[in-house]
C-alpha cells in the first residue's frame, strides 16, 4: 500500500497544521512521524532538559488523540537521514510532507533528506506554518529585505488579510490517517533523558492578559503580565495564526511582538550568517571583548551584586523562563558592563531557555550588544538601578528571586556602573572607528 508521510518537527499539533492539512488531502493514507534527532539531542549537556520533556509530553498528547481515530504516531530516535533510509525500505512512500524550518542546520538537514528521497522517486513538500509571513513575503518595493523593524511592521500590517490568519481544517480530513494500532513512543529514559516533572505554561489563550498586555508586559513581578506562550509557539503546540487572530482583535502591542518574531525569522532567512555566530553589522566583530570567565560565572549564577540582573538569571536557572524586560537588562549588562561577547550569552540562553528559538534569541542578543539589525545604539547602556526603579519599584520580583539582596552575605557589585559605562563606550568607539 502506498502512503504519504507527515513529518512533524516544530509543529506539534494536529489542528490547524499546514503540512498536515495538505498531506491528509493528498489522496493516500498518511503516516505521521516524529524523529528525536540525535544531531540535536547529543549536543544537550543537561539530561534533564525540560524542552525534551516538553516535546515528549506533546507527542503523548498527539498520540492519545490519534489513537481515538484508529491511527498512530511513529516516533523514532536517530539521525533523520538514517531514519528515512530505513522508512523507504519499510513502506512504499509516495510523498513526505512537512513544514518549513529556516534555521541553517535545518536547511542542511532537509536538503540531505530531500536528496535521499529523490533517489527513491519520493516527493518532498514543505509549507509555511510557524510564522504569518516568511522569507520574501514582506520585502521592500525593490525586493530587498527590511533590516529595520518599523518599516517592516508597516508593510506587514498593510499586507495582512483575514485569509492569512485562517485556520487549516486539518482534522476535517482525519479519516485519511493510516489506520493502525498505537505504536509505542520511546520513553525519555530510552532516548537518554529524564523527567523534571514540573508543570509547563498553559497554552490557553488568556484574553485578559492579551487585552492588558501593553500596560503589564514590562513588570516582571506580575504573575499574569505576559502570555507565557513562547514555548508553545517555539514547538508549535499552538498555531501562530490562532494567536495572531486574538492579538489583532485585542491588542496591537501584543501583535507587534508577533511581528518582531516574523521579522527575526526573516533576518535569519536573508542573512543566515547571523545564525552561524557572525554579527549582523560586521564592524562589531572588531570589538575587543574582555571575556572574563570569573565574571561570566557570576552572571550565570546570578551573583553579580546587581539585584535585578541576579533575579533574572536565577529565574532562568530555576524555571527555564525569564521575563522579556529582564532579558534585555541581563543581556545589556553582560555585553556592556562586563564586556563579554554576546555569543557567550546567546549560548547560555540557548542551553537554558524553554522557549529558545535561534532567530529570536540571536536577534535579541545582537540587539542588546548593538551588533544586530535595528539594534540599540552602542552608547545605550541600561542602568540596572534605573531599570529597577522603573519596572520593579516595590522590589517584588527581586525579593522573590534574590531574598538576601539586603543582607551582608549578598555580593558587592562586580563592576561599578559608571566605570563600566565609560569603559564600554571607549572600547566600542575604538572598534567602530576601524
Protein backbone atom coordinates (compact mmCIF):
# COMPACT_ATOMS: atom_id res chain seq x y z
CA UNK A 1 0.00 0.00 0.00
CA UNK A 2 1.35 3.40 -0.98
CA UNK A 3 1.31 6.00 1.75
CA UNK A 4 2.28 9.60 2.41
CA UNK A 5 4.25 10.68 5.45
CA UNK A 6 3.66 13.74 7.62
CA UNK A 7 6.96 14.65 9.34
CA UNK A 8 6.36 16.71 12.48
CA UNK A 9 9.21 18.93 13.74
CA UNK A 10 8.41 22.27 15.38
CA UNK A 11 4.65 22.00 14.72
CA UNK A 12 3.48 19.54 17.38
CA UNK A 13 -0.28 19.75 16.96
CA UNK A 14 -2.95 18.10 14.84
CA UNK A 15 -5.27 21.07 14.48
CA UNK A 16 -4.55 24.00 12.11
CA UNK A 17 -1.36 22.50 10.72
CA UNK A 18 -0.49 23.48 7.14
CA UNK A 19 1.58 20.47 6.07
CA UNK A 20 -0.74 18.02 7.82
CA UNK A 21 -3.75 19.55 6.07
CA UNK A 22 -2.11 19.14 2.66
CA UNK A 23 -0.93 15.62 3.47
CA UNK A 24 -4.39 14.46 4.54
CA UNK A 25 -5.94 15.86 1.36
CA UNK A 26 -3.39 14.30 -0.99
CA UNK A 27 -5.34 11.09 -1.57
CA UNK A 28 -3.25 8.45 0.21
CA UNK A 29 -3.18 7.16 3.80
CA UNK A 30 -0.96 9.36 5.97
CA UNK A 31 1.58 8.05 8.46
CA UNK A 32 2.52 10.79 10.96
CA UNK A 33 6.11 10.60 12.24
CA UNK A 34 8.43 12.43 14.62
CA UNK A 35 12.19 11.96 14.91
CA UNK A 36 14.10 12.67 18.10
CA UNK A 37 17.08 13.99 16.17
CA UNK A 38 20.35 12.79 17.65
CA UNK A 39 22.21 15.58 15.88
CA UNK A 40 20.36 17.92 18.26
CA UNK A 41 19.92 15.79 21.37
CA UNK A 42 23.54 14.65 21.54
CA UNK A 43 24.61 18.28 21.94
CA UNK A 44 22.44 18.79 25.05
CA UNK A 45 24.58 18.52 28.18
CA UNK A 46 21.67 18.56 30.63
CA UNK A 47 19.94 15.19 30.55
CA UNK A 48 17.03 16.71 32.47
CA UNK A 49 16.46 19.22 29.65
CA UNK A 50 12.84 20.28 30.03
CA UNK A 51 12.48 21.06 26.33
CA UNK A 52 12.91 17.38 25.53
CA UNK A 53 10.35 16.59 28.22
CA UNK A 54 8.00 19.20 26.71
CA UNK A 55 8.31 17.63 23.26
CA UNK A 56 7.74 14.17 24.73
CA UNK A 57 4.59 15.34 26.53
CA UNK A 58 3.30 16.97 23.33
CA UNK A 59 3.86 13.75 21.39
CA UNK A 60 1.98 11.74 24.00
CA UNK A 61 -0.93 14.19 23.76
CA UNK A 62 -0.98 13.85 19.98
CA UNK A 63 -0.73 10.07 20.25
CA UNK A 64 -3.73 9.96 22.55
CA UNK A 65 -5.79 11.95 20.05
CA UNK A 66 -4.63 9.81 17.12
CA UNK A 67 -5.45 6.59 18.96
CA UNK A 68 -9.08 7.71 19.19
CA UNK A 69 -9.03 7.97 15.38
CA UNK A 70 -7.55 4.49 14.99
CA UNK A 71 -4.20 5.93 13.96
CA UNK A 72 -0.73 6.29 15.48
CA UNK A 73 2.39 8.38 15.52
CA UNK A 74 5.63 6.67 14.60
CA UNK A 75 8.33 8.13 16.87
CA UNK A 76 11.97 7.37 16.01
CA UNK A 77 15.26 8.26 17.72
CA UNK A 78 18.19 8.71 15.37
CA UNK A 79 19.74 10.72 12.54
CA UNK A 80 16.97 11.89 10.16
CA UNK A 81 18.73 10.65 7.02
CA UNK A 82 19.28 7.23 8.60
CA UNK A 83 15.66 7.08 9.76
CA UNK A 84 14.35 7.90 6.28
CA UNK A 85 16.72 5.37 4.71
CA UNK A 86 15.01 2.79 6.90
CA UNK A 87 11.49 4.07 6.22
CA UNK A 88 11.87 3.79 2.46
CA UNK A 89 12.67 0.10 2.97
CA UNK A 90 9.71 -0.48 5.29
CA UNK A 91 6.99 1.47 3.45
CA UNK A 92 6.03 2.29 -0.11
CA UNK A 93 6.17 6.07 0.23
CA UNK A 94 4.78 8.48 -2.35
CA UNK A 95 5.46 11.88 -0.72
CA UNK A 96 6.79 13.31 2.53
CA UNK A 97 5.00 16.42 3.80
CA UNK A 98 6.48 18.77 6.38
CA UNK A 99 6.58 22.44 7.39
CA UNK A 100 9.41 24.87 6.73
CA UNK A 101 12.26 25.22 9.18
CA UNK A 102 14.59 28.02 8.10
CA UNK A 103 17.39 27.60 10.62
CA UNK A 104 20.72 26.98 8.82
CA UNK A 105 21.21 23.49 10.28
CA UNK A 106 17.60 22.57 9.45
CA UNK A 107 18.01 23.71 5.85
CA UNK A 108 21.04 21.42 5.51
CA UNK A 109 19.14 18.54 7.15
CA UNK A 110 16.15 18.96 4.84
CA UNK A 111 18.35 19.19 1.75
CA UNK A 112 20.00 15.89 2.68
CA UNK A 113 16.65 14.18 3.33
CA UNK A 114 15.19 15.57 0.10
CA UNK A 115 18.18 14.25 -1.85
CA UNK A 116 17.75 10.79 -0.33
CA UNK A 117 14.04 10.76 -1.12
CA UNK A 118 14.66 11.91 -4.69
CA UNK A 119 16.91 8.88 -5.20
CA UNK A 120 13.87 6.76 -4.37
CA UNK A 121 11.50 8.86 -6.53
CA UNK A 122 9.71 10.16 -3.42
CA UNK A 123 8.37 13.71 -3.26
CA UNK A 124 9.28 16.19 -0.51
CA UNK A 125 6.81 19.04 0.00
CA UNK A 126 7.20 21.78 2.62
CA UNK A 127 4.84 24.53 3.74
CA UNK A 128 4.76 27.76 5.73
CA UNK A 129 3.37 27.20 9.22
CA UNK A 130 5.41 28.73 12.05
CA UNK A 131 5.09 32.42 11.10
CA UNK A 132 2.46 34.59 9.42
CA UNK A 133 4.78 35.99 6.73
CA UNK A 134 8.13 34.45 5.83
CA UNK A 135 11.12 34.62 3.52
CA UNK A 136 10.32 37.05 0.67
CA UNK A 137 6.71 37.78 1.59
CA UNK A 138 7.45 41.11 3.32
CA UNK A 139 10.26 42.91 1.50
CA UNK A 140 10.94 46.41 0.21
CA UNK A 141 9.49 47.53 -3.12
CA UNK A 142 12.83 46.72 -4.77
CA UNK A 143 12.71 43.17 -3.41
CA UNK A 144 15.44 43.68 -0.82
CA UNK A 145 14.84 42.57 2.79
CA UNK A 146 13.97 45.02 5.52
CA UNK A 147 16.62 45.37 8.21
CA UNK A 148 14.73 47.89 10.35
CA UNK A 149 11.64 46.79 12.23
CA UNK A 150 9.32 49.81 11.92
CA UNK A 151 9.03 49.89 8.10
CA UNK A 152 8.89 46.08 8.11
CA UNK A 153 5.97 46.14 10.53
CA UNK A 154 4.15 48.78 8.47
CA UNK A 155 4.46 46.65 5.32
CA UNK A 156 3.49 43.53 7.33
CA UNK A 157 0.27 45.18 8.56
CA UNK A 158 -0.57 46.60 5.14
CA UNK A 159 -0.16 43.15 3.57
CA UNK A 160 -2.22 41.27 6.18
CA UNK A 161 -5.58 39.92 5.07
CA UNK A 162 -8.13 37.91 7.04
CA UNK A 163 -7.27 34.89 4.90
CA UNK A 164 -3.65 34.99 6.14
CA UNK A 165 -4.95 34.05 9.59
CA UNK A 166 -7.45 31.41 8.51
CA UNK A 167 -7.02 28.05 10.22
CA UNK A 168 -6.21 24.94 8.20
CA UNK A 169 -9.06 22.48 8.95
CA UNK A 170 -6.68 19.53 9.25
CA UNK A 171 -8.89 17.32 11.35
CA UNK A 172 -11.82 17.54 8.95
CA UNK A 173 -9.75 15.09 6.90
CA UNK A 174 -8.70 12.81 9.79
CA UNK A 175 -10.16 9.76 8.02
CA UNK A 176 -7.05 9.83 5.80
CA UNK A 177 -4.69 8.85 8.64
CA UNK A 178 -3.16 5.41 8.16
CA UNK A 179 -5.17 3.01 10.29
CA UNK A 180 -3.06 1.07 12.78
CA UNK A 181 -2.79 0.29 16.47
CA UNK A 182 -0.92 2.77 18.64
CA UNK A 183 2.84 2.36 18.36
CA UNK A 184 4.97 2.76 21.50
CA UNK A 185 6.68 6.12 21.97
CA UNK A 186 10.24 5.75 23.27
CA UNK A 187 10.44 6.84 26.90
CA UNK A 188 12.59 9.77 27.97
CA UNK A 189 14.97 7.27 29.55
CA UNK A 190 15.24 5.31 26.30
CA UNK A 191 16.44 8.41 24.45
CA UNK A 192 18.87 9.32 27.25
CA UNK A 193 16.90 11.92 29.20
CA UNK A 194 14.99 12.17 32.44
CA UNK A 195 11.90 13.96 33.71
CA UNK A 196 11.94 17.01 35.95
CA UNK A 197 8.18 16.67 36.40
CA UNK A 198 7.39 20.37 36.77
CA UNK A 199 4.36 21.91 35.06
CA UNK A 200 4.75 23.81 31.81
CA UNK A 201 2.98 27.10 31.00
CA UNK A 202 -0.56 26.70 29.75
CA UNK A 203 -1.22 27.06 26.03
CA UNK A 204 -4.64 28.58 26.71
CA UNK A 205 -5.08 31.97 25.06
CA UNK A 206 -5.86 34.20 28.04
CA UNK A 207 -7.77 37.13 26.56
CA UNK A 208 -7.48 39.25 29.71
CA UNK A 209 -3.67 39.03 29.58
CA UNK A 210 -3.60 39.95 25.89
CA UNK A 211 -6.01 42.88 26.41
CA UNK A 212 -3.84 44.37 29.16
CA UNK A 213 -0.51 43.43 27.59
CA UNK A 214 0.58 46.97 26.68
CA UNK A 215 0.27 48.10 30.31
CA UNK A 216 1.55 44.99 32.08
CA UNK A 217 4.28 43.49 29.88
CA UNK A 218 7.25 45.40 31.36
CA UNK A 219 6.72 44.47 35.00
CA UNK A 220 8.35 41.13 35.88
CA UNK A 221 6.69 40.82 39.30
CA UNK A 222 3.24 40.49 37.69
CA UNK A 223 2.29 36.83 37.53
CA UNK A 224 -0.02 37.39 34.54
CA UNK A 225 1.71 40.30 32.86
CA UNK A 226 2.76 38.27 29.81
CA UNK A 227 1.23 35.34 27.94
CA UNK A 228 4.00 32.72 28.58
CA UNK A 229 3.15 31.31 25.14
CA UNK A 230 6.77 31.35 23.95
CA UNK A 231 7.44 27.66 24.43
CA UNK A 232 4.17 26.73 22.69
CA UNK A 233 4.97 28.93 19.69
CA UNK A 234 8.52 27.56 19.60
CA UNK A 235 7.39 23.94 19.35
CA UNK A 236 4.14 24.62 17.55
CA UNK A 237 1.80 23.21 20.16
CA UNK A 238 -0.33 26.27 19.40
CA UNK A 239 -0.98 27.81 16.00
CA UNK A 240 0.61 31.19 15.30
CA UNK A 241 -2.49 32.01 13.26
CA UNK A 242 -4.76 31.46 16.27
CA UNK A 243 -2.56 33.69 18.43
CA UNK A 244 -2.34 36.41 15.76
CA UNK A 245 -6.13 36.44 15.31
CA UNK A 246 -6.56 37.15 19.03
CA UNK A 247 -3.78 39.73 19.04
CA UNK A 248 -5.28 41.53 16.07
CA UNK A 249 -8.63 41.72 17.85
CA UNK A 250 -7.40 42.64 21.29
CA UNK A 251 -4.05 44.41 21.49
CA UNK A 252 -1.74 45.95 18.90
CA UNK A 253 1.26 45.87 21.24
CA UNK A 254 0.90 42.11 21.54
CA UNK A 255 0.52 41.85 17.75
CA UNK A 256 3.74 43.83 17.36
CA UNK A 257 5.57 41.20 19.42
CA UNK A 258 4.41 38.56 16.94
CA UNK A 259 5.60 40.77 14.08
CA UNK A 260 9.03 41.03 15.77
CA UNK A 261 9.06 37.23 15.70
CA UNK A 262 8.38 37.21 11.94
CA UNK A 263 11.00 39.94 11.48
CA UNK A 264 13.76 37.97 13.17
CA UNK A 265 12.86 34.86 11.18
CA UNK A 266 13.09 36.98 8.02
CA UNK A 267 16.52 38.25 9.07
CA UNK A 268 17.75 34.69 9.67
CA UNK A 269 16.47 33.62 6.26
CA UNK A 270 18.04 36.53 4.35
CA UNK A 271 21.22 36.73 6.44
CA UNK A 272 21.99 33.17 7.57
CA UNK A 273 25.42 34.31 8.81
CA UNK A 274 23.73 35.60 11.99
CA UNK A 275 22.76 32.03 12.82
CA UNK A 276 26.37 30.95 12.42
CA UNK A 277 27.92 33.21 15.04
CA UNK A 278 28.56 36.34 12.96
CA UNK A 279 27.48 39.86 13.80
CA UNK A 280 24.86 41.37 11.51
CA UNK A 281 26.98 44.53 11.45
CA UNK A 282 30.40 43.12 10.63
CA UNK A 283 32.30 46.02 12.18
CA UNK A 284 31.11 44.86 15.59
CA UNK A 285 33.24 41.74 15.21
CA UNK A 286 36.22 44.07 15.81
CA UNK A 287 35.21 44.72 19.43
CA UNK A 288 37.88 43.63 21.90
CA UNK A 289 35.80 41.72 24.43
CA UNK A 290 37.24 41.19 27.92
CA UNK A 291 35.61 37.73 28.23
CA UNK A 292 36.49 37.34 31.90
CA UNK A 293 35.39 33.80 32.78
CA UNK A 294 35.04 34.54 36.50
CA UNK A 295 32.72 37.48 35.81
CA UNK A 296 30.79 35.36 33.32
CA UNK A 297 30.29 32.73 36.01
CA UNK A 298 28.91 35.37 38.38
CA UNK A 299 26.46 36.43 35.68
CA UNK A 300 25.42 32.83 35.00
CA UNK A 301 24.82 32.11 38.69
CA UNK A 302 23.08 35.39 39.50
CA UNK A 303 25.77 36.69 41.87
CA UNK A 304 26.75 39.96 40.18
CA UNK A 305 25.71 42.20 43.07
CA UNK A 306 23.07 43.84 40.83
CA UNK A 307 19.75 42.50 42.18
CA UNK A 308 17.66 42.91 39.02
CA UNK A 309 20.32 41.10 36.96
CA UNK A 310 20.70 38.35 39.54
CA UNK A 311 16.94 37.90 39.82
CA UNK A 312 16.66 37.35 36.08
CA UNK A 313 19.45 34.81 35.94
CA UNK A 314 18.12 32.88 38.94
CA UNK A 315 14.64 32.82 37.43
CA UNK A 316 16.12 31.43 34.22
CA UNK A 317 18.19 28.79 36.00
CA UNK A 318 15.27 27.68 38.16
CA UNK A 319 12.44 27.74 35.63
CA UNK A 320 13.77 27.91 32.07
CA UNK A 321 11.95 31.22 31.68
CA UNK A 322 12.95 34.86 32.01
CA UNK A 323 10.73 37.90 31.70
CA UNK A 324 11.34 39.76 28.42
CA UNK A 325 12.20 43.12 30.02
CA UNK A 326 14.71 41.36 32.26
CA UNK A 327 16.19 39.53 29.25
CA UNK A 328 17.12 42.93 27.84
CA UNK A 329 18.61 44.06 31.16
CA UNK A 330 20.79 40.98 31.69
CA UNK A 331 21.93 40.97 28.05
CA UNK A 332 22.91 44.62 28.19
CA UNK A 333 24.73 44.00 31.47
CA UNK A 334 26.76 41.10 30.09
CA UNK A 335 27.80 42.84 26.89
CA UNK A 336 28.12 46.43 28.09
CA UNK A 337 29.01 46.26 31.80
CA UNK A 338 31.15 43.13 31.65
CA UNK A 339 32.36 43.46 28.05
CA UNK A 340 31.66 39.79 27.41
CA UNK A 341 30.95 38.64 23.87
CA UNK A 342 27.23 38.47 23.13
CA UNK A 343 27.77 34.96 21.74
CA UNK A 344 28.54 33.70 25.26
CA UNK A 345 25.20 34.99 26.49
CA UNK A 346 23.37 33.74 23.42
CA UNK A 347 24.77 30.25 24.01
CA UNK A 348 23.80 30.31 27.70
CA UNK A 349 20.24 31.30 26.84
CA UNK A 350 20.17 28.63 24.12
CA UNK A 351 21.05 26.00 26.72
CA UNK A 352 18.56 27.15 29.36
CA UNK A 353 15.51 28.83 27.80
CA UNK A 354 12.42 26.67 27.40
CA UNK A 355 11.31 28.89 24.52
CA UNK A 356 14.74 29.06 22.88
CA UNK A 357 14.38 29.96 19.23
CA UNK A 358 17.52 30.67 17.19
CA UNK A 359 16.07 33.59 15.22
CA UNK A 360 14.62 35.44 18.22
CA UNK A 361 17.46 34.60 20.61
CA UNK A 362 20.11 35.76 18.16
CA UNK A 363 18.10 38.84 17.29
CA UNK A 364 17.65 39.78 20.92
CA UNK A 365 21.30 39.33 21.84
CA UNK A 366 22.56 41.24 18.83
CA UNK A 367 20.05 43.99 19.58
CA UNK A 368 21.36 44.28 23.14
CA UNK A 369 25.01 44.33 22.09
CA UNK A 370 24.43 46.83 19.28
CA UNK A 371 25.68 44.46 16.59
CA UNK A 372 22.33 43.48 15.11
CA UNK A 373 19.80 44.89 12.70
CA UNK A 374 17.68 47.66 14.17
CA UNK A 375 19.80 47.39 17.30
CA UNK A 376 20.04 49.60 20.34
CA UNK A 377 22.87 52.09 19.62
CA UNK A 378 26.13 51.09 21.25
CA UNK A 379 26.08 54.09 23.55
CA UNK A 380 22.78 52.96 25.07
CA UNK A 381 23.78 51.19 28.28
CA UNK A 382 20.94 50.07 30.53
CA UNK A 383 21.39 51.31 34.09
CA UNK A 384 20.26 48.37 36.27
CA UNK A 385 19.29 50.72 39.12
CA UNK A 386 17.07 52.88 36.89
CA UNK A 387 15.56 49.77 35.30
CA UNK A 388 14.71 48.52 38.78
CA UNK A 389 13.16 51.87 39.70
CA UNK A 390 11.01 51.83 36.56
CA UNK A 391 9.94 48.20 36.41
CA UNK A 392 10.31 46.68 39.89
CA UNK A 393 9.89 49.71 42.11
CA UNK A 394 8.46 47.72 45.03
CA UNK A 395 11.22 45.10 44.62
CA UNK A 396 8.68 42.27 44.48
CA UNK A 397 10.47 40.47 41.65
CA UNK A 398 13.86 40.95 43.28
CA UNK A 399 12.63 39.75 46.69
CA UNK A 400 11.22 36.60 45.09
CA UNK A 401 14.49 35.57 43.43
CA UNK A 402 17.16 37.33 45.50
CA UNK A 403 15.73 37.33 49.04
CA UNK A 404 19.16 38.03 50.55
CA UNK A 405 19.85 41.16 48.48
CA UNK A 406 19.89 43.42 51.57
CA UNK A 407 21.91 41.03 53.71
CA UNK A 408 25.65 41.11 54.46
CA UNK A 409 26.20 37.90 52.54
CA UNK A 410 24.91 39.39 49.29
CA UNK A 411 27.90 40.07 46.99
CA UNK A 412 29.14 43.58 46.30
CA UNK A 413 28.69 44.70 42.66
CA UNK A 414 31.32 43.02 40.49
CA UNK A 415 31.67 46.22 38.44
CA UNK A 416 30.81 49.87 39.11
CA UNK A 417 28.12 51.08 36.74
CA UNK A 418 29.66 54.46 35.93
CA UNK A 419 33.11 52.97 35.33
CA UNK A 420 31.71 50.13 33.23
CA UNK A 421 29.72 52.55 31.10
CA UNK A 422 32.76 54.73 30.46
CA UNK A 423 34.86 51.69 29.56
CA UNK A 424 32.39 50.18 27.10
CA UNK A 425 31.92 53.47 25.27
CA UNK A 426 35.66 53.75 24.81
CA UNK A 427 36.08 50.12 23.65
CA UNK A 428 33.15 50.27 21.23
CA UNK A 429 34.21 53.64 19.82
CA UNK A 430 37.73 52.37 19.18
CA UNK A 431 36.46 49.25 17.40
CA UNK A 432 33.88 51.06 15.30
CA UNK A 433 36.34 53.68 14.08
CA UNK A 434 38.09 50.83 12.29
